[in-house]
Amino acid sequence: MGALPPGGASAPRLGRERTLRLAHRGDHRRHPENSLAAIVGAVEVPGCDGVEFDVRASRDGVPVIVHDETLARVQGRPDAVAELTAAELEALGVPRLEDALAALPHRAFLDVELKEALGRAVVEVLAAGRGPDLHNAVISSFDPRAIARIRGLAPGWPCWLNAAELEPATIRAAVDLGCTGVSVQWRALGPVAVAAAGAAGLAVAAWTVTARSVYARLVELGVAAICVEGKALEG
């Protein structure tokens, strides 16, 4: 949809009057990404409204917070997440979703990105931590199957379809899945695309912004939430 120009019509804003600033994988300027310290530390940053983090399943089916399929990049180990138990992963710095929910204040908005179709296990943990209506949180995923699974188990929960582009096909797919929004790579966002999503009843979130100037332009564009890192995490 082209580079981001200023101004333009906006999509729904999640019932809020201002754009949410969400720390991408927590505040990993000082802590490993998606670690409990990074996640909790993010909401202590002035101007940060919440956290985006990634969820997979351990070998024993426990939802854990980690982005990659293996521990190679962050933990420096070749192990696959799916081959280790939650206890083994916790010892290596990969937190359980349950523990992160317990540590985060309910005022913090959560973008829970599912890296795979986890189904009932993640629904039960999230319902225990944020209530049956998933208070102040959203489920997001690039995988339509993961969203469809959540929609089947908890049809009232808000979901975002993640995408690299905000094309008409993306909007159609999000609507067909029953999503309340789309989360899109920020370079793909412009007034026409945001207006088209809004006309379909979809909120628009952006990922992942590192520059304050880009953050300010996206706020002017009227997006509902922005995943941020580095300088853009600072208010």
C-alpha atoms as a PDB file:
ATOM      1  CA  MET A   1       0.000   0.000   0.000  1.00  0.00           C
ATOM      2  CA  GLY A   2       3.031   2.269  -0.199  1.00  0.00           C
ATOM      3  CA  ALA A   3       5.069   4.318   2.254  1.00  0.00           C
ATOM      4  CA  LEU A   4       3.392   6.054   5.151  1.00  0.00           C
ATOM      5  CA  PRO A   5       2.109   9.550   4.380  1.00  0.00           C
ATOM      6  CA  PRO A   6       0.709  11.860   7.066  1.00  0.00           C
ATOM      7  CA  GLY A   7      -2.962  12.262   7.904  1.00  0.00           C
ATOM      8  CA  GLY A   8      -5.959  10.393   6.542  1.00  0.00           C
ATOM      9  CA  ALA A   9      -9.019   8.541   7.795  1.00  0.00           C
ATOM     10  CA  SER A  10      -8.636   6.182  10.723  1.00  0.00           C
ATOM     11  CA  ALA A  11      -9.876   2.740  11.710  1.00  0.00           C
ATOM     12  CA  PRO A  12     -11.560   1.887  15.049  1.00  0.00           C
ATOM     13  CA  ARG A  13      -9.344   2.482  18.117  1.00  0.00           C
ATOM     14  CA  LEU A  14     -10.277  -0.421  20.411  1.00  0.00           C
ATOM     15  CA  GLY A  15     -12.682   1.810  22.346  1.00  0.00           C
ATOM     16  CA  ARG A  16      -9.832   4.135  23.321  1.00  0.00           C
ATOM     17  CA  GLU A  17      -9.209   7.693  22.209  1.00  0.00           C
ATOM     18  CA  ARG A  18      -5.456   7.328  21.837  1.00  0.00           C
ATOM     19  CA  THR A  19      -3.022   4.920  20.236  1.00  0.00           C
ATOM     20  CA  LEU A  20      -1.628   2.174  22.460  1.00  0.00           C
ATOM     21  CA  ARG A  21       2.160   1.833  22.744  1.00  0.00           C
ATOM     22  CA  LEU A  22       3.048  -1.875  23.080  1.00  0.00           C
ATOM     23  CA  ALA A  23       6.557  -3.123  23.820  1.00  0.00           C
ATOM     24  CA  HIS A  24       7.514  -5.689  21.161  1.00  0.00           C
ATOM     25  CA  ARG A  25       8.609  -8.846  23.024  1.00  0.00           C
ATOM     26  CA  GLY A  26       8.943  -6.713  26.140  1.00  0.00           C
ATOM     27  CA  ASP A  27      11.717  -4.224  26.888  1.00  0.00           C
ATOM     28  CA  HIS A  28      14.728  -6.121  25.548  1.00  0.00           C
ATOM     29  CA  ARG A  29      17.111  -3.206  25.724  1.00  0.00           C
ATOM     30  CA  ARG A  30      18.352  -4.611  29.041  1.00  0.00           C
ATOM     31  CA  HIS A  31      16.855  -8.108  29.215  1.00  0.00           C
ATOM     32  CA  PRO A  32      16.505 -11.016  26.758  1.00  0.00           C
ATOM     33  CA  GLU A  33      13.426 -10.673  24.553  1.00  0.00           C
ATOM     34  CA  ASN A  34      10.267 -12.392  25.801  1.00  0.00           C
ATOM     35  CA  SER A  35      11.887 -13.038  29.186  1.00  0.00           C
ATOM     36  CA  LEU A  36       9.851 -12.391  32.307  1.00  0.00           C
ATOM     37  CA  ALA A  37      12.169  -9.502  33.195  1.00  0.00           C
ATOM     38  CA  ALA A  38      11.686  -7.900  29.760  1.00  0.00           C
ATOM     39  CA  ILE A  39       7.910  -8.308  29.876  1.00  0.00           C
ATOM     40  CA  VAL A  40       7.476  -6.917  33.384  1.00  0.00           C
ATOM     41  CA  GLY A  41      10.081  -4.226  32.809  1.00  0.00           C
ATOM     42  CA  ALA A  42       8.265  -2.942  29.739  1.00  0.00           C
ATOM     43  CA  VAL A  43       5.157  -1.857  31.610  1.00  0.00           C
ATOM     44  CA  GLU A  44       7.326   0.116  34.011  1.00  0.00           C
ATOM     45  CA  VAL A  45       8.530   2.337  31.143  1.00  0.00           C
ATOM     46  CA  PRO A  46       6.666   5.685  31.201  1.00  0.00           C
ATOM     47  CA  GLY A  47       4.269   5.914  28.287  1.00  0.00           C
ATOM     48  CA  CYS A  48       4.152   2.174  27.637  1.00  0.00           C
ATOM     49  CA  ASP A  49       0.589   0.825  27.651  1.00  0.00           C
ATOM     50  CA  GLY A  50       1.330  -2.871  27.404  1.00  0.00           C
ATOM     51  CA  VAL A  51       3.278  -5.707  25.837  1.00  0.00           C
ATOM     52  CA  GLU A  52       3.321  -7.875  22.737  1.00  0.00           C
ATOM     53  CA  PHE A  53       4.778 -11.351  23.208  1.00  0.00           C
ATOM     54  CA  ASP A  54       4.866 -14.720  21.442  1.00  0.00           C
ATOM     55  CA  VAL A  55       3.443 -18.013  22.644  1.00  0.00           C
ATOM     56  CA  ARG A  56       4.296 -21.617  21.744  1.00  0.00           C
ATOM     57  CA  ALA A  57       3.696 -24.955  23.462  1.00  0.00           C
ATOM     58  CA  SER A  58       6.309 -26.904  25.403  1.00  0.00           C
ATOM     59  CA  ARG A  59       6.713 -30.661  25.000  1.00  0.00           C
ATOM     60  CA  ASP A  60       4.221 -31.200  27.811  1.00  0.00           C
ATOM     61  CA  GLY A  61       1.660 -28.853  26.243  1.00  0.00           C
ATOM     62  CA  VAL A  62       2.219 -25.827  28.484  1.00  0.00           C
ATOM     63  CA  PRO A  63       1.944 -22.375  26.825  1.00  0.00           C
ATOM     64  CA  VAL A  64       5.342 -20.668  27.066  1.00  0.00           C
ATOM     65  CA  ILE A  65       6.586 -17.287  25.865  1.00  0.00           C
ATOM     66  CA  VAL A  66       9.164 -17.592  23.088  1.00  0.00           C
ATOM     67  CA  HIS A  67       9.338 -16.407  19.476  1.00  0.00           C
ATOM     68  CA  ASP A  68      11.522 -18.901  17.614  1.00  0.00           C
ATOM     69  CA  GLU A  69      11.046 -22.641  17.144  1.00  0.00           C
ATOM     70  CA  THR A  70      14.470 -23.191  18.731  1.00  0.00           C
ATOM     71  CA  LEU A  71      16.523 -21.574  21.504  1.00  0.00           C
ATOM     72  CA  ALA A  72      19.500 -20.925  19.219  1.00  0.00           C
ATOM     73  CA  ARG A  73      19.171 -17.173  18.631  1.00  0.00           C
ATOM     74  CA  VAL A  74      18.239 -15.940  22.122  1.00  0.00           C
ATOM     75  CA  GLN A  75      19.421 -18.635  24.541  1.00  0.00           C
ATOM     76  CA  GLY A  76      22.343 -19.867  22.443  1.00  0.00           C
ATOM     77  CA  ARG A  77      21.215 -23.506  22.499  1.00  0.00           C
ATOM     78  CA  PRO A  78      20.168 -25.769  19.607  1.00  0.00           C
ATOM     79  CA  ASP A  79      17.162 -27.247  21.434  1.00  0.00           C
ATOM     80  CA  ALA A  80      13.714 -27.054  19.861  1.00  0.00           C
ATOM     81  CA  VAL A  81      11.033 -25.547  22.102  1.00  0.00           C
ATOM     82  CA  ALA A  82       8.690 -28.444  21.332  1.00  0.00           C
ATOM     83  CA  GLU A  83      11.269 -30.955  22.577  1.00  0.00           C
ATOM     84  CA  LEU A  84      11.627 -29.497  26.099  1.00  0.00           C
ATOM     85  CA  THR A  85       9.209 -29.458  29.018  1.00  0.00           C
ATOM     86  CA  ALA A  86       7.985 -26.209  30.519  1.00  0.00           C
ATOM     87  CA  ALA A  87      10.213 -26.791  33.556  1.00  0.00           C
ATOM     88  CA  GLU A  88      13.271 -27.312  31.347  1.00  0.00           C
ATOM     89  CA  LEU A  89      12.443 -24.198  29.331  1.00  0.00           C
ATOM     90  CA  GLU A  90      11.875 -22.139  32.473  1.00  0.00           C
ATOM     91  CA  ALA A  91      15.344 -23.099  33.705  1.00  0.00           C
ATOM     92  CA  LEU A  92      16.710 -21.682  30.437  1.00  0.00           C
ATOM     93  CA  GLY A  93      14.872 -18.368  30.755  1.00  0.00           C
ATOM     94  CA  VAL A  94      11.677 -19.137  28.827  1.00  0.00           C
ATOM     95  CA  PRO A  95       8.700 -18.180  31.025  1.00  0.00           C
ATOM     96  CA  ARG A  96       5.327 -19.849  31.227  1.00  0.00           C
ATOM     97  CA  LEU A  97       2.438 -17.733  29.990  1.00  0.00           C
ATOM     98  CA  GLU A  98       0.741 -18.316  33.333  1.00  0.00           C
ATOM     99  CA  ASP A  99       3.622 -16.706  35.222  1.00  0.00           C
ATOM    100  CA  ALA A 100       3.752 -13.675  32.932  1.00  0.00           C
ATOM    101  CA  LEU A 101       0.026 -13.074  33.376  1.00  0.00           C
ATOM    102  CA  ALA A 102       0.415 -13.276  37.149  1.00  0.00           C
ATOM    103  CA  ALA A 103       3.284 -10.779  37.093  1.00  0.00           C
ATOM    104  CA  LEU A 104       1.642  -8.189  34.827  1.00  0.00           C
ATOM    105  CA  PRO A 105      -0.856  -5.613  36.131  1.00  0.00           C
ATOM    106  CA  HIS A 106      -4.327  -5.785  34.595  1.00  0.00           C
ATOM    107  CA  ARG A 107      -3.923  -2.209  33.390  1.00  0.00           C
ATOM    108  CA  ALA A 108      -1.320  -3.487  30.881  1.00  0.00           C
ATOM    109  CA  PHE A 109      -2.777  -4.248  27.456  1.00  0.00           C
ATOM    110  CA  LEU A 110      -1.571  -7.581  26.056  1.00  0.00           C
ATOM    111  CA  ASP A 111      -1.074  -8.574  22.429  1.00  0.00           C
ATOM    112  CA  VAL A 112      -0.702 -12.362  22.727  1.00  0.00           C
ATOM    113  CA  GLU A 113       0.745 -13.587  19.442  1.00  0.00           C
ATOM    114  CA  LEU A 114       0.245 -17.300  18.846  1.00  0.00           C
ATOM    115  CA  LYS A 115       3.045 -18.844  16.817  1.00  0.00           C
ATOM    116  CA  GLU A 116       1.036 -22.050  16.426  1.00  0.00           C
ATOM    117  CA  ALA A 117      -2.523 -23.309  16.942  1.00  0.00           C
ATOM    118  CA  LEU A 118      -2.471 -23.971  20.688  1.00  0.00           C
ATOM    119  CA  GLY A 119      -6.193 -24.267  21.281  1.00  0.00           C
ATOM    120  CA  ARG A 120      -7.704 -25.128  24.640  1.00  0.00           C
ATOM    121  CA  ALA A 121      -4.497 -24.994  26.707  1.00  0.00           C
ATOM    122  CA  VAL A 122      -3.846 -21.328  25.957  1.00  0.00           C
ATOM    123  CA  VAL A 123      -7.529 -20.405  26.325  1.00  0.00           C
ATOM    124  CA  GLU A 124      -7.645 -21.892  29.820  1.00  0.00           C
ATOM    125  CA  VAL A 125      -4.475 -20.076  30.927  1.00  0.00           C
ATOM    126  CA  LEU A 126      -5.617 -16.742  29.492  1.00  0.00           C
ATOM    127  CA  ALA A 127      -9.103 -17.081  30.982  1.00  0.00           C
ATOM    128  CA  ALA A 128      -7.582 -17.773  34.389  1.00  0.00           C
ATOM    129  CA  GLY A 129      -5.308 -14.741  34.110  1.00  0.00           C
ATOM    130  CA  ARG A 130      -7.519 -12.205  32.327  1.00  0.00           C
ATOM    131  CA  GLY A 131     -11.038 -13.503  32.897  1.00  0.00           C
ATOM    132  CA  PRO A 132     -13.541 -15.211  30.620  1.00  0.00           C
ATOM    133  CA  ASP A 133     -13.905 -12.057  28.505  1.00  0.00           C
ATOM    134  CA  LEU A 134     -10.100 -11.695  28.041  1.00  0.00           C
ATOM    135  CA  HIS A 135      -9.882  -8.330  29.805  1.00  0.00           C
ATOM    136  CA  ASN A 136      -7.601  -5.731  28.187  1.00  0.00           C
ATOM    137  CA  ALA A 137      -5.984  -8.181  25.758  1.00  0.00           C
ATOM    138  CA  VAL A 138      -6.141  -9.493  22.207  1.00  0.00           C
ATOM    139  CA  ILE A 139      -5.084 -12.691  20.452  1.00  0.00           C
ATOM    140  CA  SER A 140      -3.038 -12.210  17.282  1.00  0.00           C
ATOM    141  CA  SER A 141      -1.431 -14.557  14.782  1.00  0.00           C
ATOM    142  CA  PHE A 142      -0.083 -14.851  11.255  1.00  0.00           C
ATOM    143  CA  ASP A 143      -1.623 -18.333  11.161  1.00  0.00           C
ATOM    144  CA  PRO A 144      -5.353 -18.308  10.290  1.00  0.00           C
ATOM    145  CA  ARG A 145      -5.663 -21.791  11.800  1.00  0.00           C
ATOM    146  CA  ALA A 146      -4.544 -20.473  15.192  1.00  0.00           C
ATOM    147  CA  ILE A 147      -7.145 -17.715  15.074  1.00  0.00           C
ATOM    148  CA  ALA A 148      -9.877 -20.081  13.883  1.00  0.00           C
ATOM    149  CA  ARG A 149      -9.106 -22.401  16.794  1.00  0.00           C
ATOM    150  CA  ILE A 150      -9.428 -19.563  19.316  1.00  0.00           C
ATOM    151  CA  ARG A 151     -12.607 -18.303  17.660  1.00  0.00           C
ATOM    152  CA  GLY A 152     -14.098 -21.769  18.004  1.00  0.00           C
ATOM    153  CA  LEU A 153     -13.231 -22.074  21.684  1.00  0.00           C
ATOM    154  CA  ALA A 154     -13.788 -18.447  22.757  1.00  0.00           C
ATOM    155  CA  PRO A 155     -15.869 -16.740  20.057  1.00  0.00           C
ATOM    156  CA  GLY A 156     -16.213 -13.525  22.043  1.00  0.00           C
ATOM    157  CA  TRP A 157     -12.473 -12.909  22.344  1.00  0.00           C
ATOM    158  CA  PRO A 158     -10.941 -10.179  20.166  1.00  0.00           C
ATOM    159  CA  CYS A 159      -8.482 -11.412  17.556  1.00  0.00           C
ATOM    160  CA  TRP A 160      -6.127  -9.689  15.122  1.00  0.00           C
ATOM    161  CA  LEU A 161      -4.820 -11.197  11.908  1.00  0.00           C
ATOM    162  CA  ASN A 162      -1.126 -10.373  11.499  1.00  0.00           C
ATOM    163  CA  ALA A 163       0.126  -9.581   7.995  1.00  0.00           C
ATOM    164  CA  ALA A 164       2.980  -7.997   6.083  1.00  0.00           C
ATOM    165  CA  GLU A 165       0.605  -6.086   3.781  1.00  0.00           C
ATOM    166  CA  LEU A 166      -2.821  -4.516   4.217  1.00  0.00           C
ATOM    167  CA  GLU A 167      -4.255  -5.634   0.892  1.00  0.00           C
ATOM    168  CA  PRO A 168      -7.974  -6.241   0.193  1.00  0.00           C
ATOM    169  CA  ALA A 169      -7.289  -9.972   0.572  1.00  0.00           C
ATOM    170  CA  THR A 170      -5.931  -9.360   4.083  1.00  0.00           C
ATOM    171  CA  ILE A 171      -9.062  -7.456   5.061  1.00  0.00           C
ATOM    172  CA  ARG A 172     -11.315 -10.167   3.614  1.00  0.00           C
ATOM    173  CA  ALA A 173      -9.419 -12.886   5.449  1.00  0.00           C
ATOM    174  CA  ALA A 174      -9.636 -11.010   8.759  1.00  0.00           C
ATOM    175  CA  VAL A 175     -13.372 -10.423   8.350  1.00  0.00           C
ATOM    176  CA  ASP A 176     -13.982 -14.048   7.358  1.00  0.00           C
ATOM    177  CA  LEU A 177     -12.153 -15.197  10.501  1.00  0.00           C
ATOM    178  CA  GLY A 178     -14.269 -12.927  12.689  1.00  0.00           C
ATOM    179  CA  CYS A 179     -11.301 -10.763  13.678  1.00  0.00           C
ATOM    180  CA  THR A 180     -11.728  -7.366  15.284  1.00  0.00           C
ATOM    181  CA  GLY A 181      -8.506  -6.026  13.783  1.00  0.00           C
ATOM    182  CA  VAL A 182      -5.381  -6.478  11.713  1.00  0.00           C
ATOM    183  CA  SER A 183      -1.767  -5.963  12.771  1.00  0.00           C
ATOM    184  CA  VAL A 184       0.405  -4.946   9.839  1.00  0.00           C
ATOM    185  CA  GLN A 185       4.036  -4.092   9.100  1.00  0.00           C
ATOM    186  CA  TRP A 186       4.111  -0.305   9.459  1.00  0.00           C
ATOM    187  CA  ARG A 187       5.583   0.429   6.017  1.00  0.00           C
ATOM    188  CA  ALA A 188       2.426  -1.031   4.422  1.00  0.00           C
ATOM    189  CA  LEU A 189       0.116   1.481   6.120  1.00  0.00           C
ATOM    190  CA  GLY A 190      -1.316   4.552   4.451  1.00  0.00           C
ATOM    191  CA  PRO A 191      -4.591   6.475   4.592  1.00  0.00           C
ATOM    192  CA  VAL A 192      -6.302   4.399   1.894  1.00  0.00           C
ATOM    193  CA  ALA A 193      -5.424   1.062   3.499  1.00  0.00           C
ATOM    194  CA  VAL A 194      -6.367   2.203   7.015  1.00  0.00           C
ATOM    195  CA  ALA A 195      -9.658   3.630   5.758  1.00  0.00           C
ATOM    196  CA  ALA A 196     -10.463   0.376   3.940  1.00  0.00           C
ATOM    197  CA  ALA A 197      -9.856  -1.631   7.100  1.00  0.00           C
ATOM    198  CA  GLY A 198     -11.979   0.794   9.088  1.00  0.00           C
ATOM    199  CA  ALA A 199     -14.811   0.500   6.607  1.00  0.00           C
ATOM    200  CA  ALA A 200     -14.728  -3.254   7.222  1.00  0.00           C
ATOM    201  CA  GLY A 201     -14.970  -2.643  10.983  1.00  0.00           C
ATOM    202  CA  LEU A 202     -11.348  -3.572  11.686  1.00  0.00           C
ATOM    203  CA  ALA A 203      -8.949  -1.809  14.038  1.00  0.00           C
ATOM    204  CA  VAL A 204      -5.428  -1.424  12.652  1.00  0.00           C
ATOM    205  CA  ALA A 205      -2.239  -2.051  14.619  1.00  0.00           C
ATOM    206  CA  ALA A 206       1.306  -1.542  13.337  1.00  0.00           C
ATOM    207  CA  TRP A 207       4.557  -3.470  13.826  1.00  0.00           C
ATOM    208  CA  THR A 208       7.455  -2.936  14.576  1.00  0.00           C
ATOM    209  CA  VAL A 209       8.511   0.704  14.991  1.00  0.00           C
ATOM    210  CA  THR A 210      11.885   1.843  16.314  1.00  0.00           C
ATOM    211  CA  ALA A 211      11.883   5.563  15.414  1.00  0.00           C
ATOM    212  CA  ARG A 212       9.938   8.204  17.319  1.00  0.00           C
ATOM    213  CA  SER A 213       9.198  10.098  14.098  1.00  0.00           C
ATOM    214  CA  VAL A 214       7.524   7.048  12.556  1.00  0.00           C
ATOM    215  CA  TYR A 215       5.572   6.471  15.765  1.00  0.00           C
ATOM    216  CA  ALA A 216       4.250  10.046  15.661  1.00  0.00           C
ATOM    217  CA  ARG A 217       3.161   9.708  12.012  1.00  0.00           C
ATOM    218  CA  LEU A 218       1.303   6.467  12.736  1.00  0.00           C
ATOM    219  CA  VAL A 219      -0.517   8.107  15.634  1.00  0.00           C
ATOM    220  CA  GLU A 220      -1.576  10.876  13.258  1.00  0.00           C
ATOM    221  CA  LEU A 221      -2.766   8.225  10.813  1.00  0.00           C
ATOM    222  CA  GLY A 222      -5.080   6.920  13.520  1.00  0.00           C
ATOM    223  CA  VAL A 223      -3.877   3.377  14.174  1.00  0.00           C
ATOM    224  CA  ALA A 224      -5.145   1.659  17.312  1.00  0.00           C
ATOM    225  CA  ALA A 225      -1.851   0.278  18.591  1.00  0.00           C
ATOM    226  CA  ILE A 226       1.838   0.277  17.694  1.00  0.00           C
ATOM    227  CA  CYS A 227       4.393  -2.387  18.605  1.00  0.00           C
ATOM    228  CA  VAL A 228       7.630  -0.608  19.425  1.00  0.00           C
ATOM    229  CA  GLU A 229      11.277  -1.189  20.262  1.00  0.00           C
ATOM    230  CA  GLY A 230      14.230   1.004  21.214  1.00  0.00           C
ATOM    231  CA  LYS A 231      13.698   4.760  21.033  1.00  0.00           C
ATOM    232  CA  ALA A 232      10.054   4.367  20.068  1.00  0.00           C
ATOM    233  CA  LEU A 233       9.388   2.618  23.393  1.00  0.00           C
ATOM    234  CA  GLU A 234      10.188   5.830  25.229  1.00  0.00           C
ATOM    235  CA  GLY A 235       7.245   8.184  25.703  1.00  0.00           C
END
